[in-house]
Amino acid sequence: MKYNIRHHTIYRYSEPLRRSVNEIRLTPRSGPLQSVHNWEVHVPGKLSRARDGFGNVVHSFTVTGADVIDITATGQVEADGSGAGGIFRERAAPGEALVSPLYYLCATPLTTAPEDMRSFAAPYLAGGADVPALLALAGAICARVRYTASTTDVGTSAAQAFGLGLGVCQDQAQVMVASCRAFGIPARYVSGYFYDPAATEMASHAWADVCLVVGRETWCSVDVTHQCVTDHRHVRLAVGRDYQAAAPVRGIREGGAAETLEVIVSILPAF
């Protein structure tokens, strides 16, 4: 499947900003599960492009004196339709080195697993990770952390969402990541998009990569919210140890007073 994608983010302020420094991960990369075509990012000001420690494309820019920050990312992505799904072998791009899966064993403040979460995940992971176990765990997480919009925010940890019993895709993915790491299984957070032809509004999505074979860097990409291995409906943006490391937009500001945020995502099949 090929998709035309447009991700439009607008920050509005009640007073002009003195200064705003921003970092965005809105450029997908070609890899085993997708090919990226004609991708562009537009922001106010000059863009600086780099790669972060996880291999993501990261842009940064600075804004002064404005009361609106308008960020637009557009392009076309061809998602894998071979039937291999989200099980893939990761390989380094020319001139790059792979991040060891062992780096994704470390808990973060957003992905720490308390004892009740460990006990919850034990029946699925105590014997190791395979696809049936991961899908069964995804189903259990969805039942425990019921998808409910506007109940959490970007600072909500896996432990908090697990205790609350409510959350969104970000929370469900972080519970999966935290659970796997608690049993010595490398796992990472993935930000991206999910195409649903029945959806009236599109939004960013999140899921988890779980390493099945350390040393051969074989991963299984699990969409916890939809309780499936990822497929041609998924487009990957960035990976990290948690949401903060893979967030589409992050920044700090001086001034501006009150802030409002609007995000409009469009994902349409390209014919």
Protein backbone atom coordinates (compact mmCIF):
# COMPACT_ATOMS: atom_id res chain seq x y z
CA MET A 1 0.00 0.00 0.00
CA LYS A 2 1.14 3.50 -0.84
CA TYR A 3 -0.09 6.39 1.27
CA ASN A 4 -0.02 10.14 0.85
CA ILE A 5 0.55 11.52 4.34
CA ARG A 6 0.24 15.05 5.68
CA HIS A 7 0.96 15.86 9.33
CA HIS A 8 0.11 19.45 10.25
CA THR A 9 0.90 20.82 13.73
CA ILE A 10 -0.04 24.34 14.78
CA TYR A 11 0.93 25.98 18.07
CA ARG A 12 -0.79 29.29 18.84
CA TYR A 13 0.19 31.69 21.62
CA SER A 14 -1.69 34.55 23.25
CA GLU A 15 1.48 36.67 23.21
CA PRO A 16 4.53 36.67 20.92
CA LEU A 17 7.25 34.21 21.86
CA ARG A 18 10.56 35.57 23.00
CA ARG A 19 12.23 32.34 21.89
CA SER A 20 11.19 28.76 21.07
CA VAL A 21 13.63 25.93 20.37
CA ASN A 22 12.06 22.88 18.73
CA GLU A 23 13.04 19.33 17.83
CA ILE A 24 10.89 17.25 15.49
CA ARG A 25 10.89 13.59 14.41
CA LEU A 26 8.48 13.77 11.51
CA THR A 27 10.57 12.18 8.75
CA PRO A 28 10.13 8.43 8.29
CA ARG A 29 12.98 6.30 7.02
CA SER A 30 13.03 3.58 4.40
CA GLY A 31 13.73 0.12 5.81
CA PRO A 32 12.57 -3.49 5.88
CA LEU A 33 8.91 -2.53 6.36
CA GLN A 34 8.51 0.57 4.18
CA SER A 35 9.89 2.78 1.42
CA VAL A 36 9.69 6.56 1.70
CA HIS A 37 9.20 8.86 -1.30
CA ASN A 38 9.23 12.66 -1.74
CA TRP A 39 9.17 13.57 1.95
CA GLU A 40 9.29 17.26 2.91
CA VAL A 41 9.16 19.20 6.17
CA HIS A 42 8.23 22.89 6.37
CA VAL A 43 8.64 25.06 9.46
CA PRO A 44 9.08 28.76 10.21
CA GLY A 45 12.78 29.42 10.18
CA LYS A 46 15.83 27.43 9.13
CA LEU A 47 15.84 23.64 9.57
CA SER A 48 18.87 21.75 10.85
CA ARG A 49 18.89 18.00 10.08
CA ALA A 50 20.72 15.23 11.94
CA ARG A 51 20.38 11.64 13.13
CA ASP A 52 19.82 10.90 16.79
CA GLY A 53 21.30 7.98 18.72
CA PHE A 54 18.43 5.70 17.69
CA GLY A 55 18.90 6.37 13.98
CA ASN A 56 15.88 8.65 13.64
CA VAL A 57 15.93 11.67 11.37
CA VAL A 58 15.63 14.68 13.66
CA HIS A 59 15.20 18.31 12.64
CA SER A 60 15.63 21.34 14.88
CA PHE A 61 14.72 24.98 14.45
CA THR A 62 14.38 28.17 16.49
CA VAL A 63 11.57 30.73 16.38
CA THR A 64 11.58 34.25 17.87
CA GLY A 65 8.87 36.91 17.99
CA ALA A 66 6.05 34.80 16.52
CA ASP A 67 2.67 33.96 18.01
CA VAL A 68 2.14 30.91 15.72
CA ILE A 69 4.39 27.94 14.98
CA ASP A 70 3.22 26.02 11.92
CA ILE A 71 4.88 22.65 11.20
CA THR A 72 3.94 20.58 8.14
CA ALA A 73 5.35 17.21 7.05
CA THR A 74 4.18 15.66 3.80
CA GLY A 75 5.16 12.79 1.55
CA GLN A 76 4.42 9.35 0.27
CA VAL A 77 5.24 6.04 1.96
CA GLU A 78 4.88 2.56 0.55
CA ALA A 79 4.14 0.16 3.42
CA ASP A 80 5.10 -3.52 3.28
CA GLY A 81 2.46 -5.70 1.65
CA SER A 82 4.52 -8.85 1.24
CA GLY A 83 2.78 -10.73 4.04
CA ALA A 84 5.89 -10.73 6.24
CA GLY A 85 4.09 -8.34 8.54
CA GLY A 86 5.97 -6.75 11.38
CA ILE A 87 8.58 -9.48 11.86
CA PHE A 88 11.83 -8.22 10.38
CA ARG A 89 15.59 -8.38 10.52
CA GLU A 90 17.17 -5.01 11.16
CA ARG A 91 20.20 -4.07 9.10
CA ALA A 92 22.42 -1.02 9.22
CA ALA A 93 22.19 1.52 6.42
CA PRO A 94 25.44 2.33 4.58
CA GLY A 95 27.74 4.35 6.81
CA GLU A 96 25.65 3.73 9.94
CA ALA A 97 25.85 1.39 12.91
CA LEU A 98 22.91 -0.39 14.51
CA VAL A 99 21.90 0.37 18.08
CA SER A 100 22.29 -2.84 20.06
CA PRO A 101 18.98 -4.32 21.23
CA LEU A 102 20.57 -4.53 24.68
CA TYR A 103 20.29 -0.74 24.90
CA TYR A 104 16.52 -1.22 24.98
CA LEU A 105 16.67 -3.25 28.18
CA CYS A 106 17.04 -0.14 30.35
CA ALA A 107 13.92 1.15 32.07
CA THR A 108 13.13 4.85 31.91
CA PRO A 109 10.85 6.95 34.13
CA LEU A 110 8.06 6.35 31.60
CA THR A 111 8.69 2.59 31.25
CA THR A 112 9.37 1.29 34.75
CA ALA A 113 7.41 -1.86 35.63
CA PRO A 114 6.20 -2.03 39.25
CA GLU A 115 5.66 -5.41 40.88
CA ASP A 116 1.98 -5.64 39.98
CA MET A 117 2.83 -5.12 36.31
CA ARG A 118 5.51 -7.82 36.49
CA SER A 119 3.02 -10.24 38.01
CA PHE A 120 0.50 -9.33 35.32
CA ALA A 121 2.99 -10.00 32.49
CA ALA A 122 4.62 -13.10 33.98
CA PRO A 123 2.19 -15.68 32.50
CA TYR A 124 3.00 -14.39 29.02
CA LEU A 125 6.72 -13.59 29.23
CA ALA A 126 8.30 -15.77 31.91
CA GLY A 127 9.17 -18.36 29.25
CA GLY A 128 10.56 -15.80 26.81
CA ALA A 129 9.11 -13.88 23.90
CA ASP A 130 7.48 -15.35 20.83
CA VAL A 131 4.73 -14.00 18.61
CA PRO A 132 1.78 -15.87 20.20
CA ALA A 133 2.89 -14.80 23.69
CA LEU A 134 3.27 -11.17 22.62
CA LEU A 135 -0.16 -11.09 20.99
CA ALA A 136 -1.71 -12.68 24.06
CA LEU A 137 -0.03 -10.05 26.23
CA ALA A 138 -1.29 -7.30 23.91
CA GLY A 139 -4.84 -8.57 24.41
CA ALA A 140 -4.38 -8.62 28.17
CA ILE A 141 -2.98 -5.07 28.16
CA CYS A 142 -5.95 -3.80 26.15
CA ALA A 143 -8.30 -5.36 28.67
CA ARG A 144 -6.36 -3.93 31.62
CA VAL A 145 -5.59 -0.47 30.16
CA ARG A 146 -8.81 0.28 28.27
CA TYR A 147 -8.47 2.68 25.38
CA THR A 148 -10.10 5.93 26.51
CA ALA A 149 -9.26 9.26 24.90
CA SER A 150 -8.22 12.28 26.99
CA THR A 151 -7.53 10.31 30.17
CA THR A 152 -3.73 10.59 30.09
CA ASP A 153 -1.11 12.93 28.63
CA VAL A 154 2.40 12.70 27.21
CA GLY A 155 3.89 12.68 30.70
CA THR A 156 1.87 9.68 31.90
CA SER A 157 4.09 6.70 32.71
CA ALA A 158 3.35 3.06 31.97
CA ALA A 159 2.95 2.43 35.70
CA GLN A 160 0.45 5.27 36.07
CA ALA A 161 -1.65 4.14 33.10
CA PHE A 162 -1.54 0.54 34.35
CA GLY A 163 -2.77 1.66 37.76
CA LEU A 164 -5.44 3.89 36.27
CA GLY A 165 -6.68 1.17 33.93
CA LEU A 166 -7.23 3.72 31.17
CA GLY A 167 -5.13 5.25 28.43
CA VAL A 168 -4.43 5.61 24.74
CA CYS A 169 -2.10 3.88 22.26
CA GLN A 170 0.95 5.60 23.76
CA ASP A 171 0.15 4.18 27.20
CA GLN A 172 -0.63 0.68 25.94
CA ALA A 173 2.63 0.61 23.98
CA GLN A 174 4.65 1.78 26.99
CA VAL A 175 3.07 -0.91 29.19
CA MET A 176 4.16 -3.51 26.61
CA VAL A 177 7.68 -2.06 26.51
CA ALA A 178 7.94 -1.93 30.32
CA SER A 179 6.61 -5.48 30.71
CA CYS A 180 9.10 -6.92 28.24
CA ARG A 181 12.07 -5.13 29.77
CA ALA A 182 11.08 -6.40 33.21
CA PHE A 183 11.75 -9.93 31.91
CA GLY A 184 15.02 -9.16 30.16
CA ILE A 185 13.46 -8.83 26.70
CA PRO A 186 14.61 -5.78 24.69
CA ALA A 187 11.71 -3.59 23.59
CA ARG A 188 11.35 -0.11 22.16
CA TYR A 189 8.61 2.43 21.59
CA VAL A 190 7.57 3.24 18.00
CA SER A 191 5.75 6.35 16.83
CA GLY A 192 3.96 6.38 13.49
CA TYR A 193 0.64 6.25 11.70
CA PHE A 194 -2.15 3.69 11.27
CA TYR A 195 -4.46 3.80 8.27
CA ASP A 196 -8.09 3.04 9.13
CA PRO A 197 -10.47 3.67 6.20
CA ALA A 198 -13.42 3.83 8.62
CA ALA A 199 -11.88 6.54 10.81
CA THR A 200 -13.43 9.98 10.60
CA GLU A 201 -10.26 11.59 12.00
CA MET A 202 -6.67 10.39 11.71
CA ALA A 203 -4.02 10.78 14.39
CA SER A 204 -0.52 9.70 15.24
CA HIS A 205 -0.23 6.15 16.52
CA ALA A 206 2.18 4.18 18.69
CA TRP A 207 3.19 0.55 19.13
CA ALA A 208 6.14 -1.54 20.32
CA ASP A 209 9.07 -3.38 18.75
CA VAL A 210 10.13 -6.47 20.70
CA CYS A 211 13.45 -8.19 19.96
CA LEU A 212 12.94 -11.91 19.37
CA VAL A 213 16.56 -12.81 18.60
CA VAL A 214 19.40 -10.77 20.09
CA GLY A 215 22.51 -11.00 17.92
CA ARG A 216 20.54 -11.43 14.72
CA GLU A 217 18.49 -8.31 15.49
CA THR A 218 15.16 -9.95 14.67
CA TRP A 219 12.22 -7.85 15.83
CA CYS A 220 8.47 -8.29 16.10
CA SER A 221 6.49 -5.06 15.78
CA VAL A 222 3.30 -5.35 17.86
CA ASP A 223 0.39 -2.93 17.67
CA VAL A 224 -0.99 -3.37 21.18
CA THR A 225 -4.08 -1.23 20.55
CA HIS A 226 -5.19 -3.34 17.58
CA GLN A 227 -3.78 -6.58 19.06
CA CYS A 228 -1.87 -7.52 15.92
CA VAL A 229 1.56 -7.69 14.36
CA THR A 230 1.99 -4.56 12.25
CA ASP A 231 1.15 -4.80 8.56
CA HIS A 232 0.52 -2.69 5.45
CA ARG A 233 -1.67 -0.30 7.49
CA HIS A 234 1.27 0.92 9.58
CA VAL A 235 3.84 3.61 8.76
CA ARG A 236 6.83 4.05 11.08
CA LEU A 237 8.17 7.48 12.06
CA ALA A 238 10.66 7.06 14.89
CA VAL A 239 11.81 4.70 17.65
CA GLY A 240 13.14 5.22 21.15
CA ARG A 241 13.22 3.89 24.67
CA ASP A 242 9.91 5.64 25.40
CA TYR A 243 7.55 8.33 24.10
CA GLN A 244 9.90 11.19 24.98
CA ALA A 245 12.68 9.78 22.80
CA ALA A 246 10.41 9.32 19.76
CA ALA A 247 7.97 12.22 20.14
CA PRO A 248 6.99 13.84 16.82
CA VAL A 249 7.45 17.36 18.25
CA ARG A 250 9.30 18.54 21.35
CA GLY A 251 10.40 21.99 22.39
CA ILE A 252 11.04 24.59 25.05
CA ARG A 253 9.95 28.20 24.98
CA GLU A 254 10.26 31.58 26.64
CA GLY A 255 7.21 33.80 26.57
CA GLY A 256 4.08 33.23 24.56
CA ALA A 257 1.80 33.04 27.63
CA ALA A 258 -1.13 30.67 26.95
CA GLU A 259 -0.59 27.94 24.36
CA THR A 260 -3.07 25.98 22.24
CA LEU A 261 -2.24 23.01 20.01
CA GLU A 262 -3.96 21.70 16.90
CA VAL A 263 -2.82 18.57 15.06
CA ILE A 264 -4.33 17.48 11.75
CA VAL A 265 -3.20 14.18 10.21
CA SER A 266 -4.28 13.01 6.77
CA ILE A 267 -3.49 9.51 5.44
CA LEU A 268 -4.91 8.63 2.02
CA PRO A 269 -4.16 5.69 -0.28
CA ALA A 270 -2.17 6.74 -3.33
CA PHE A 271 -3.66 5.31 -6.50
